[in-house]
Amino acid sequence: MGAPMAYDGTRSEDRHLAERLREGDPEALRDAYSRFGRVTFGFLVKSLGDRGAAEDVQQQVYTQIWQRAESYDPNRGSLLSWLMTIARSRAIDHRRRRVPEPLDPDVAATQLDSRAAAEDERIDRLAEQWRIRELLDRLPEAEAEVLRRRFYGELTQSEIAEREGIPLGTVKTRMFTGLRRLRELIDEEGR
């Protein structure tokens, strides 16, 4: 399929690509992999902790989008969000299949439930981080950068202003505007 390219997050491209997938265009699958493969694979490697397993699950994800393209609803979210939901589900399925069988059945049920819940929660958190990252990539770069520095870099607004060499008021404005736009994107995906 070739090396995946970076995703630019445009809605019209999502809709066009989804339509091509629904029509059964094999080039559309290659294009989907080129646009989103790096993101889904990175998520799978991080969530599964095993590159080989991530490669297997990645194939399952792209097989599923090919087979279920008609189920994508662009009014419910971006194409990448839909793919990440599928990747999350396949990662959880893979994790559950990998749990070894303990010898004591009474202990097995308790261990399996607690381990599965903890893994599901970890994968959910990771999927949400990837989702927010994708949404930040859709914001103007100046706004996205201050939000990344604040929430991922854990810098204060004053520290951001100092490191970026911009006035504190500019940082506050960019952060306020960026958060407002981020909320709009989240609301748009929720519809």
N, C-alpha and C. Protein backbone atom coordinates (compact mmCIF):
# COMPACT_ATOMS: atom_id res chain seq x y z
N MET A 1 0.81 -1.20 0.00
CA MET A 1 0.00 0.00 0.00
C MET A 1 0.85 1.26 0.00
N GLY A 2 2.12 1.16 0.27
CA GLY A 2 2.98 2.34 0.26
C GLY A 2 3.07 2.98 1.62
N ALA A 3 3.93 3.96 1.75
CA ALA A 3 4.13 4.64 3.03
C ALA A 3 2.98 5.59 3.30
N PRO A 4 2.43 5.61 4.53
CA PRO A 4 1.36 6.51 4.85
C PRO A 4 1.85 7.96 4.90
N MET A 5 0.96 8.87 4.50
CA MET A 5 1.28 10.29 4.54
C MET A 5 0.57 10.92 5.74
N ALA A 6 0.94 12.15 6.06
CA ALA A 6 0.30 12.87 7.16
C ALA A 6 -1.13 13.20 6.77
N TYR A 7 -2.00 13.27 7.75
CA TYR A 7 -3.41 13.56 7.56
C TYR A 7 -3.65 15.04 7.75
N ASP A 8 -4.41 15.65 6.82
CA ASP A 8 -4.66 17.08 6.92
C ASP A 8 -6.04 17.41 7.49
N GLY A 9 -6.92 16.44 7.61
CA GLY A 9 -8.16 16.63 8.34
C GLY A 9 -9.27 17.40 7.64
N THR A 10 -9.31 17.49 6.33
CA THR A 10 -10.36 18.26 5.69
C THR A 10 -11.61 17.43 5.51
N ARG A 11 -12.76 18.02 5.82
CA ARG A 11 -14.04 17.34 5.76
C ARG A 11 -14.45 16.96 4.34
N SER A 12 -14.23 17.84 3.37
CA SER A 12 -14.64 17.52 2.00
C SER A 12 -13.85 16.32 1.48
N GLU A 13 -12.58 16.25 1.83
CA GLU A 13 -11.78 15.09 1.43
C GLU A 13 -12.31 13.82 2.11
N ASP A 14 -12.71 13.94 3.38
CA ASP A 14 -13.30 12.80 4.10
C ASP A 14 -14.53 12.29 3.36
N ARG A 15 -15.43 13.21 3.01
CA ARG A 15 -16.69 12.82 2.36
C ARG A 15 -16.42 12.17 1.01
N HIS A 16 -15.52 12.75 0.26
CA HIS A 16 -15.20 12.20 -1.07
C HIS A 16 -14.57 10.81 -0.95
N LEU A 17 -13.63 10.68 -0.04
CA LEU A 17 -12.98 9.39 0.16
C LEU A 17 -13.98 8.35 0.65
N ALA A 18 -14.86 8.73 1.56
CA ALA A 18 -15.88 7.80 2.07
C ALA A 18 -16.81 7.34 0.95
N GLU A 19 -17.17 8.25 0.09
CA GLU A 19 -18.03 7.90 -1.05
C GLU A 19 -17.32 6.91 -1.96
N ARG A 20 -16.06 7.14 -2.23
CA ARG A 20 -15.28 6.22 -3.06
C ARG A 20 -15.18 4.84 -2.41
N LEU A 21 -15.01 4.81 -1.09
CA LEU A 21 -14.96 3.53 -0.38
C LEU A 21 -16.30 2.81 -0.51
N ARG A 22 -17.40 3.55 -0.34
CA ARG A 22 -18.73 2.95 -0.47
C ARG A 22 -18.96 2.38 -1.86
N GLU A 23 -18.38 3.03 -2.87
CA GLU A 23 -18.53 2.58 -4.25
C GLU A 23 -17.63 1.38 -4.57
N GLY A 24 -16.75 1.01 -3.63
CA GLY A 24 -15.87 -0.14 -3.84
C GLY A 24 -14.64 0.16 -4.67
N ASP A 25 -14.22 1.42 -4.70
CA ASP A 25 -13.03 1.83 -5.45
C ASP A 25 -11.78 1.36 -4.70
N PRO A 26 -11.02 0.40 -5.27
CA PRO A 26 -9.82 -0.11 -4.57
C PRO A 26 -8.77 0.98 -4.32
N GLU A 27 -8.70 1.97 -5.19
CA GLU A 27 -7.77 3.08 -4.97
C GLU A 27 -8.15 3.87 -3.72
N ALA A 28 -9.43 3.88 -3.38
CA ALA A 28 -9.88 4.61 -2.20
C ALA A 28 -9.29 3.98 -0.94
N LEU A 29 -9.21 2.66 -0.92
CA LEU A 29 -8.60 1.99 0.24
C LEU A 29 -7.13 2.36 0.35
N ARG A 30 -6.43 2.40 -0.77
CA ARG A 30 -5.02 2.81 -0.76
C ARG A 30 -4.90 4.26 -0.27
N ASP A 31 -5.80 5.12 -0.75
CA ASP A 31 -5.77 6.51 -0.33
C ASP A 31 -6.07 6.66 1.17
N ALA A 32 -7.02 5.86 1.66
CA ALA A 32 -7.34 5.90 3.09
C ALA A 32 -6.12 5.49 3.91
N TYR A 33 -5.45 4.45 3.46
CA TYR A 33 -4.25 4.00 4.16
C TYR A 33 -3.16 5.06 4.09
N SER A 34 -3.00 5.68 2.94
CA SER A 34 -1.98 6.73 2.79
C SER A 34 -2.26 7.91 3.72
N ARG A 35 -3.52 8.28 3.85
CA ARG A 35 -3.87 9.44 4.68
C ARG A 35 -3.87 9.13 6.17
N PHE A 36 -4.34 7.93 6.53
CA PHE A 36 -4.57 7.65 7.95
C PHE A 36 -3.71 6.55 8.54
N GLY A 37 -2.99 5.82 7.70
CA GLY A 37 -2.24 4.64 8.16
C GLY A 37 -1.25 4.93 9.27
N ARG A 38 -0.53 6.04 9.15
CA ARG A 38 0.47 6.39 10.17
C ARG A 38 -0.20 6.64 11.53
N VAL A 39 -1.33 7.32 11.50
CA VAL A 39 -2.02 7.65 12.74
C VAL A 39 -2.58 6.39 13.39
N THR A 40 -3.29 5.57 12.61
CA THR A 40 -3.88 4.36 13.20
C THR A 40 -2.79 3.39 13.67
N PHE A 41 -1.73 3.27 12.90
CA PHE A 41 -0.66 2.35 13.28
C PHE A 41 0.04 2.84 14.56
N GLY A 42 0.31 4.11 14.65
CA GLY A 42 0.92 4.67 15.86
C GLY A 42 0.06 4.40 17.09
N PHE A 43 -1.23 4.61 16.94
CA PHE A 43 -2.16 4.34 18.03
C PHE A 43 -2.12 2.86 18.43
N LEU A 44 -2.13 1.98 17.43
CA LEU A 44 -2.14 0.54 17.71
C LEU A 44 -0.84 0.08 18.37
N VAL A 45 0.29 0.58 17.91
CA VAL A 45 1.57 0.21 18.53
C VAL A 45 1.56 0.65 20.00
N LYS A 46 1.12 1.88 20.23
CA LYS A 46 1.12 2.40 21.61
C LYS A 46 0.12 1.65 22.49
N SER A 47 -1.05 1.33 21.96
CA SER A 47 -2.06 0.67 22.79
C SER A 47 -1.78 -0.81 23.00
N LEU A 48 -1.16 -1.47 22.01
CA LEU A 48 -0.89 -2.90 22.15
C LEU A 48 0.51 -3.20 22.66
N GLY A 49 1.44 -2.26 22.49
CA GLY A 49 2.80 -2.47 22.97
C GLY A 49 3.57 -3.52 22.19
N ASP A 50 3.12 -3.84 20.99
CA ASP A 50 3.74 -4.91 20.20
C ASP A 50 3.56 -4.56 18.73
N ARG A 51 4.67 -4.28 18.06
CA ARG A 51 4.63 -3.85 16.65
C ARG A 51 4.00 -4.93 15.75
N GLY A 52 4.34 -6.18 15.97
CA GLY A 52 3.78 -7.27 15.17
C GLY A 52 2.28 -7.37 15.34
N ALA A 53 1.82 -7.28 16.57
CA ALA A 53 0.38 -7.32 16.83
C ALA A 53 -0.30 -6.11 16.20
N ALA A 54 0.35 -4.95 16.28
CA ALA A 54 -0.21 -3.73 15.69
C ALA A 54 -0.36 -3.88 14.18
N GLU A 55 0.61 -4.53 13.53
CA GLU A 55 0.52 -4.76 12.09
C GLU A 55 -0.68 -5.65 11.76
N ASP A 56 -0.87 -6.70 12.55
CA ASP A 56 -2.01 -7.60 12.33
C ASP A 56 -3.33 -6.86 12.53
N VAL A 57 -3.42 -6.10 13.60
CA VAL A 57 -4.66 -5.38 13.90
C VAL A 57 -4.90 -4.28 12.86
N GLN A 58 -3.82 -3.65 12.40
CA GLN A 58 -3.94 -2.62 11.35
C GLN A 58 -4.62 -3.22 10.11
N GLN A 59 -4.24 -4.43 9.74
CA GLN A 59 -4.88 -5.09 8.60
C GLN A 59 -6.36 -5.31 8.87
N GLN A 60 -6.69 -5.71 10.08
CA GLN A 60 -8.09 -5.91 10.43
C GLN A 60 -8.88 -4.60 10.32
N VAL A 61 -8.27 -3.51 10.77
CA VAL A 61 -8.93 -2.20 10.72
C VAL A 61 -9.25 -1.83 9.27
N TYR A 62 -8.26 -1.93 8.40
CA TYR A 62 -8.48 -1.51 7.01
C TYR A 62 -9.37 -2.49 6.25
N THR A 63 -9.37 -3.75 6.64
CA THR A 63 -10.32 -4.70 6.06
C THR A 63 -11.74 -4.31 6.48
N GLN A 64 -11.90 -3.94 7.73
CA GLN A 64 -13.21 -3.57 8.22
C GLN A 64 -13.72 -2.28 7.57
N ILE A 65 -12.86 -1.29 7.39
CA ILE A 65 -13.37 -0.07 6.74
C ILE A 65 -13.75 -0.36 5.29
N TRP A 66 -13.04 -1.26 4.64
CA TRP A 66 -13.39 -1.64 3.27
C TRP A 66 -14.75 -2.34 3.25
N GLN A 67 -14.97 -3.24 4.20
CA GLN A 67 -16.20 -4.02 4.23
C GLN A 67 -17.39 -3.23 4.76
N ARG A 68 -17.13 -2.25 5.61
CA ARG A 68 -18.23 -1.54 6.27
C ARG A 68 -18.26 -0.05 5.94
N ALA A 69 -17.76 0.33 4.77
CA ALA A 69 -17.70 1.74 4.39
C ALA A 69 -19.08 2.40 4.42
N GLU A 70 -20.10 1.64 4.12
CA GLU A 70 -21.45 2.22 4.11
C GLU A 70 -21.93 2.65 5.50
N SER A 71 -21.29 2.16 6.55
CA SER A 71 -21.71 2.52 7.90
C SER A 71 -21.12 3.86 8.37
N TYR A 72 -20.17 4.41 7.62
CA TYR A 72 -19.61 5.71 8.01
C TYR A 72 -20.64 6.81 7.74
N ASP A 73 -20.90 7.62 8.76
CA ASP A 73 -21.82 8.75 8.66
C ASP A 73 -21.02 10.03 8.88
N PRO A 74 -20.79 10.81 7.82
CA PRO A 74 -19.98 12.03 7.97
C PRO A 74 -20.60 13.07 8.90
N ASN A 75 -21.89 12.94 9.17
CA ASN A 75 -22.54 13.89 10.08
C ASN A 75 -22.23 13.59 11.54
N ARG A 76 -21.67 12.41 11.81
CA ARG A 76 -21.35 12.03 13.19
C ARG A 76 -19.90 12.27 13.55
N GLY A 77 -19.05 12.57 12.58
CA GLY A 77 -17.65 12.82 12.89
C GLY A 77 -16.78 12.66 11.67
N SER A 78 -15.51 12.94 11.85
CA SER A 78 -14.57 12.85 10.73
C SER A 78 -14.30 11.39 10.39
N LEU A 79 -13.79 11.18 9.21
CA LEU A 79 -13.43 9.83 8.78
C LEU A 79 -12.35 9.26 9.69
N LEU A 80 -11.41 10.11 10.11
CA LEU A 80 -10.37 9.63 11.02
C LEU A 80 -10.96 9.21 12.36
N SER A 81 -11.93 9.93 12.87
CA SER A 81 -12.56 9.54 14.14
C SER A 81 -13.22 8.17 14.00
N TRP A 82 -13.87 7.93 12.86
CA TRP A 82 -14.51 6.64 12.61
C TRP A 82 -13.45 5.54 12.57
N LEU A 83 -12.35 5.79 11.85
CA LEU A 83 -11.27 4.81 11.79
C LEU A 83 -10.67 4.54 13.16
N MET A 84 -10.49 5.60 13.95
CA MET A 84 -9.92 5.42 15.29
C MET A 84 -10.86 4.64 16.21
N THR A 85 -12.15 4.80 16.01
CA THR A 85 -13.12 4.02 16.78
C THR A 85 -12.98 2.54 16.43
N ILE A 86 -12.83 2.26 15.15
CA ILE A 86 -12.62 0.87 14.71
C ILE A 86 -11.30 0.34 15.26
N ALA A 87 -10.24 1.15 15.17
CA ALA A 87 -8.93 0.73 15.67
C ALA A 87 -8.99 0.43 17.17
N ARG A 88 -9.68 1.29 17.91
CA ARG A 88 -9.84 1.09 19.36
C ARG A 88 -10.54 -0.24 19.63
N SER A 89 -11.63 -0.50 18.92
CA SER A 89 -12.37 -1.76 19.12
C SER A 89 -11.53 -2.98 18.79
N ARG A 90 -10.81 -2.92 17.68
CA ARG A 90 -9.98 -4.06 17.30
C ARG A 90 -8.83 -4.24 18.30
N ALA A 91 -8.28 -3.15 18.83
CA ALA A 91 -7.21 -3.26 19.83
C ALA A 91 -7.73 -3.93 21.09
N ILE A 92 -8.91 -3.54 21.52
CA ILE A 92 -9.52 -4.16 22.71
C ILE A 92 -9.78 -5.64 22.45
N ASP A 93 -10.34 -5.96 21.28
CA ASP A 93 -10.58 -7.36 20.93
C ASP A 93 -9.28 -8.17 20.98
N HIS A 94 -8.23 -7.60 20.40
CA HIS A 94 -6.94 -8.29 20.38
C HIS A 94 -6.42 -8.51 21.80
N ARG A 95 -6.51 -7.50 22.63
CA ARG A 95 -6.04 -7.62 24.02
C ARG A 95 -6.79 -8.72 24.76
N ARG A 96 -8.09 -8.76 24.56
CA ARG A 96 -8.90 -9.76 25.26
C ARG A 96 -8.56 -11.18 24.81
N ARG A 97 -8.25 -11.35 23.54
CA ARG A 97 -7.88 -12.68 23.04
C ARG A 97 -6.53 -13.13 23.56
N ARG A 98 -5.66 -12.17 23.90
CA ARG A 98 -4.29 -12.48 24.33
C ARG A 98 -4.18 -12.87 25.80
N VAL A 99 -5.22 -12.65 26.59
CA VAL A 99 -5.13 -12.93 28.02
C VAL A 99 -4.99 -14.43 28.23
N PRO A 100 -3.91 -14.89 28.90
CA PRO A 100 -3.71 -16.33 29.11
C PRO A 100 -4.73 -16.89 30.10
N GLU A 101 -5.04 -18.14 29.92
CA GLU A 101 -5.98 -18.81 30.80
C GLU A 101 -5.31 -19.21 32.11
N PRO A 102 -5.80 -18.72 33.26
CA PRO A 102 -5.24 -19.14 34.54
C PRO A 102 -5.74 -20.55 34.90
N LEU A 103 -5.05 -21.18 35.83
CA LEU A 103 -5.40 -22.54 36.22
C LEU A 103 -6.65 -22.61 37.09
N ASP A 104 -6.85 -21.67 37.98
CA ASP A 104 -8.00 -21.68 38.90
C ASP A 104 -9.15 -20.87 38.28
N PRO A 105 -10.28 -21.50 37.95
CA PRO A 105 -11.39 -20.80 37.31
C PRO A 105 -11.97 -19.66 38.14
N ASP A 106 -11.98 -19.81 39.48
CA ASP A 106 -12.52 -18.74 40.34
C ASP A 106 -11.63 -17.50 40.28
N VAL A 107 -10.34 -17.72 40.28
CA VAL A 107 -9.39 -16.61 40.19
C VAL A 107 -9.44 -16.01 38.79
N ALA A 108 -9.66 -16.85 37.80
CA ALA A 108 -9.65 -16.42 36.40
C ALA A 108 -10.69 -15.33 36.16
N ALA A 109 -11.89 -15.54 36.63
CA ALA A 109 -12.97 -14.57 36.38
C ALA A 109 -12.62 -13.21 36.97
N THR A 110 -12.13 -13.20 38.20
CA THR A 110 -11.78 -11.95 38.86
C THR A 110 -10.62 -11.26 38.16
N GLN A 111 -9.57 -12.02 37.85
CA GLN A 111 -8.40 -11.44 37.18
C GLN A 111 -8.75 -10.93 35.79
N LEU A 112 -9.51 -11.71 35.06
CA LEU A 112 -9.87 -11.33 33.70
C LEU A 112 -10.70 -10.06 33.69
N ASP A 113 -11.68 -9.97 34.59
CA ASP A 113 -12.53 -8.78 34.65
C ASP A 113 -11.73 -7.54 35.00
N SER A 114 -10.87 -7.64 36.02
CA SER A 114 -10.12 -6.46 36.45
C SER A 114 -9.07 -6.07 35.41
N ARG A 115 -8.41 -7.06 34.81
CA ARG A 115 -7.41 -6.78 33.77
C ARG A 115 -8.06 -6.19 32.52
N ALA A 116 -9.18 -6.77 32.11
CA ALA A 116 -9.88 -6.28 30.92
C ALA A 116 -10.38 -4.86 31.14
N ALA A 117 -10.93 -4.58 32.33
CA ALA A 117 -11.42 -3.23 32.61
C ALA A 117 -10.28 -2.22 32.59
N ALA A 118 -9.16 -2.58 33.19
CA ALA A 118 -8.00 -1.67 33.21
C ALA A 118 -7.46 -1.43 31.81
N GLU A 119 -7.36 -2.49 31.01
CA GLU A 119 -6.88 -2.34 29.62
C GLU A 119 -7.84 -1.53 28.78
N ASP A 120 -9.14 -1.81 28.93
CA ASP A 120 -10.14 -1.05 28.17
C ASP A 120 -10.06 0.43 28.52
N GLU A 121 -9.90 0.73 29.80
CA GLU A 121 -9.80 2.13 30.24
C GLU A 121 -8.53 2.78 29.67
N ARG A 122 -7.42 2.06 29.68
CA ARG A 122 -6.17 2.61 29.14
C ARG A 122 -6.30 2.87 27.64
N ILE A 123 -6.89 1.94 26.93
CA ILE A 123 -7.07 2.11 25.48
C ILE A 123 -8.05 3.25 25.21
N ASP A 124 -9.10 3.37 26.01
CA ASP A 124 -10.04 4.49 25.85
C ASP A 124 -9.33 5.84 26.05
N ARG A 125 -8.49 5.93 27.09
CA ARG A 125 -7.75 7.18 27.33
C ARG A 125 -6.83 7.50 26.16
N LEU A 126 -6.16 6.48 25.68
CA LEU A 126 -5.25 6.66 24.55
C LEU A 126 -6.02 7.09 23.30
N ALA A 127 -7.16 6.46 23.04
CA ALA A 127 -7.99 6.84 21.88
C ALA A 127 -8.46 8.29 22.00
N GLU A 128 -8.82 8.70 23.20
CA GLU A 128 -9.25 10.09 23.40
C GLU A 128 -8.10 11.06 23.17
N GLN A 129 -6.89 10.70 23.59
CA GLN A 129 -5.72 11.55 23.34
C GLN A 129 -5.48 11.70 21.84
N TRP A 130 -5.60 10.60 21.10
CA TRP A 130 -5.41 10.65 19.65
C TRP A 130 -6.51 11.48 19.00
N ARG A 131 -7.73 11.36 19.52
CA ARG A 131 -8.85 12.13 18.97
C ARG A 131 -8.61 13.63 19.18
N ILE A 132 -8.20 14.01 20.37
CA ILE A 132 -7.92 15.42 20.65
C ILE A 132 -6.76 15.90 19.80
N ARG A 133 -5.75 15.08 19.62
CA ARG A 133 -4.62 15.45 18.77
C ARG A 133 -5.08 15.73 17.35
N GLU A 134 -5.96 14.86 16.84
CA GLU A 134 -6.50 15.05 15.49
C GLU A 134 -7.30 16.35 15.42
N LEU A 135 -8.07 16.65 16.44
CA LEU A 135 -8.86 17.89 16.45
C LEU A 135 -7.94 19.11 16.54
N LEU A 136 -6.90 19.03 17.36
CA LEU A 136 -5.94 20.14 17.45
C LEU A 136 -5.28 20.40 16.09
N ASP A 137 -5.04 19.35 15.33
CA ASP A 137 -4.43 19.50 14.01
C ASP A 137 -5.34 20.25 13.04
N ARG A 138 -6.61 20.35 13.37
CA ARG A 138 -7.57 21.05 12.51
C ARG A 138 -7.71 22.52 12.88
N LEU A 139 -7.08 22.94 13.98
CA LEU A 139 -7.11 24.34 14.40
C LEU A 139 -6.01 25.12 13.71
N PRO A 140 -6.15 26.46 13.66
CA PRO A 140 -5.02 27.27 13.18
C PRO A 140 -3.79 26.97 14.04
N GLU A 141 -2.64 26.91 13.43
CA GLU A 141 -1.41 26.46 14.10
C GLU A 141 -1.10 27.27 15.35
N ALA A 142 -1.27 28.59 15.33
CA ALA A 142 -0.93 29.42 16.49
C ALA A 142 -1.78 29.04 17.71
N GLU A 143 -3.06 28.77 17.47
CA GLU A 143 -3.96 28.38 18.56
C GLU A 143 -3.63 26.96 19.04
N ALA A 144 -3.42 26.07 18.11
CA ALA A 144 -3.12 24.68 18.46
C ALA A 144 -1.82 24.60 19.27
N GLU A 145 -0.83 25.40 18.89
CA GLU A 145 0.47 25.35 19.57
C GLU A 145 0.36 25.77 21.03
N VAL A 146 -0.38 26.84 21.33
CA VAL A 146 -0.49 27.24 22.74
C VAL A 146 -1.27 26.20 23.54
N LEU A 147 -2.26 25.56 22.92
CA LEU A 147 -3.00 24.52 23.63
C LEU A 147 -2.12 23.28 23.87
N ARG A 148 -1.31 22.93 22.89
CA ARG A 148 -0.39 21.80 23.08
C ARG A 148 0.60 22.09 24.21
N ARG A 149 1.16 23.28 24.19
CA ARG A 149 2.14 23.64 25.23
C ARG A 149 1.49 23.67 26.61
N ARG A 150 0.24 24.13 26.67
CA ARG A 150 -0.45 24.19 27.97
C ARG A 150 -0.80 22.81 28.49
N PHE A 151 -1.41 21.98 27.65
CA PHE A 151 -1.94 20.72 28.14
C PHE A 151 -0.98 19.54 28.02
N TYR A 152 -0.17 19.50 26.99
CA TYR A 152 0.79 18.40 26.87
C TYR A 152 2.12 18.77 27.52
N GLY A 153 2.52 20.04 27.37
CA GLY A 153 3.77 20.49 27.96
C GLY A 153 3.61 20.96 29.40
N GLU A 154 2.35 21.09 29.84
CA GLU A 154 2.01 21.52 31.19
C GLU A 154 2.67 22.85 31.57
N LEU A 155 2.72 23.76 30.60
CA LEU A 155 3.28 25.08 30.85
C LEU A 155 2.17 26.05 31.24
N THR A 156 2.52 27.03 32.05
CA THR A 156 1.56 28.09 32.38
C THR A 156 1.47 29.04 31.19
N GLN A 157 0.48 29.90 31.21
CA GLN A 157 0.35 30.89 30.14
C GLN A 157 1.57 31.81 30.11
N SER A 158 2.06 32.18 31.27
CA SER A 158 3.25 33.04 31.33
C SER A 158 4.47 32.34 30.75
N GLU A 159 4.63 31.06 31.05
CA GLU A 159 5.76 30.30 30.51
C GLU A 159 5.66 30.18 28.98
N ILE A 160 4.44 29.99 28.49
CA ILE A 160 4.24 29.91 27.04
C ILE A 160 4.63 31.23 26.39
N ALA A 161 4.18 32.34 26.98
CA ALA A 161 4.49 33.66 26.43
C ALA A 161 6.00 33.88 26.39
N GLU A 162 6.66 33.49 27.45
CA GLU A 162 8.12 33.66 27.52
C GLU A 162 8.82 32.80 26.47
N ARG A 163 8.43 31.54 26.36
CA ARG A 163 9.09 30.63 25.40
C ARG A 163 8.79 30.98 23.95
N GLU A 164 7.57 31.45 23.71
CA GLU A 164 7.19 31.80 22.34
C GLU A 164 7.64 33.21 21.97
N GLY A 165 7.98 34.01 22.99
CA GLY A 165 8.38 35.39 22.73
C GLY A 165 7.22 36.26 22.28
N ILE A 166 6.04 36.01 22.84
CA ILE A 166 4.84 36.79 22.51
C ILE A 166 4.21 37.31 23.79
N PRO A 167 3.41 38.38 23.69
CA PRO A 167 2.78 38.93 24.89
C PRO A 167 1.82 37.93 25.56
N LEU A 168 1.70 38.03 26.87
CA LEU A 168 0.81 37.16 27.64
C LEU A 168 -0.63 37.29 27.14
N GLY A 169 -1.04 38.50 26.80
CA GLY A 169 -2.40 38.71 26.30
C GLY A 169 -2.66 37.94 25.01
N THR A 170 -1.65 37.83 24.16
CA THR A 170 -1.78 37.08 22.91
C THR A 170 -1.95 35.60 23.21
N VAL A 171 -1.20 35.11 24.18
CA VAL A 171 -1.33 33.70 24.58
C VAL A 171 -2.75 33.45 25.09
N LYS A 172 -3.25 34.33 25.95
CA LYS A 172 -4.60 34.16 26.51
C LYS A 172 -5.66 34.19 25.41
N THR A 173 -5.51 35.11 24.46
CA THR A 173 -6.47 35.21 23.36
C THR A 173 -6.44 33.95 22.50
N ARG A 174 -5.24 33.50 22.15
CA ARG A 174 -5.11 32.29 21.33
C ARG A 174 -5.68 31.07 22.05
N MET A 175 -5.43 31.01 23.35
CA MET A 175 -5.93 29.87 24.12
C MET A 175 -7.46 29.91 24.17
N PHE A 176 -8.03 31.08 24.45
CA PHE A 176 -9.49 31.22 24.52
C PHE A 176 -10.13 30.86 23.18
N THR A 177 -9.59 31.42 22.10
CA THR A 177 -10.14 31.17 20.77
C THR A 177 -9.95 29.71 20.38
N GLY A 178 -8.79 29.15 20.67
CA GLY A 178 -8.52 27.76 20.35
C GLY A 178 -9.46 26.81 21.10
N LEU A 179 -9.69 27.09 22.38
CA LEU A 179 -10.60 26.25 23.16
C LEU A 179 -12.03 26.35 22.63
N ARG A 180 -12.43 27.55 22.23
CA ARG A 180 -13.76 27.72 21.67
C ARG A 180 -13.90 26.92 20.37
N ARG A 181 -12.90 27.01 19.50
CA ARG A 181 -12.95 26.26 18.24
C ARG A 181 -12.90 24.75 18.49
N LEU A 182 -12.10 24.33 19.47
CA LEU A 182 -12.02 22.92 19.82
C LEU A 182 -13.38 22.41 20.29
N ARG A 183 -14.06 23.20 21.11
CA ARG A 183 -15.40 22.85 21.59
C ARG A 183 -16.36 22.71 20.40
N GLU A 184 -16.26 23.63 19.43
CA GLU A 184 -17.13 23.57 18.25
C GLU A 184 -16.88 22.29 17.46
N LEU A 185 -15.61 21.90 17.32
CA LEU A 185 -15.28 20.67 16.60
C LEU A 185 -15.83 19.44 17.33
N ILE A 186 -15.70 19.44 18.65
CA ILE A 186 -16.22 18.33 19.45
C ILE A 186 -17.74 18.27 19.33
N ASP A 187 -18.40 19.43 19.41
CA ASP A 187 -19.87 19.47 19.26
C ASP A 187 -20.29 19.01 17.88
N GLU A 188 -19.54 19.42 16.86
CA GLU A 188 -19.84 19.04 15.48
C GLU A 188 -19.76 17.53 15.32
N GLU A 189 -18.76 16.90 15.94
CA GLU A 189 -18.63 15.45 15.86
C GLU A 189 -19.73 14.74 16.64
N GLY A 190 -20.24 15.40 17.68
CA GLY A 190 -21.30 14.79 18.49
C GLY A 190 -22.65 14.78 17.81
N ARG A 191 -22.81 15.62 16.79
CA ARG A 191 -24.12 15.68 16.09
C ARG A 191 -24.28 14.55 15.13
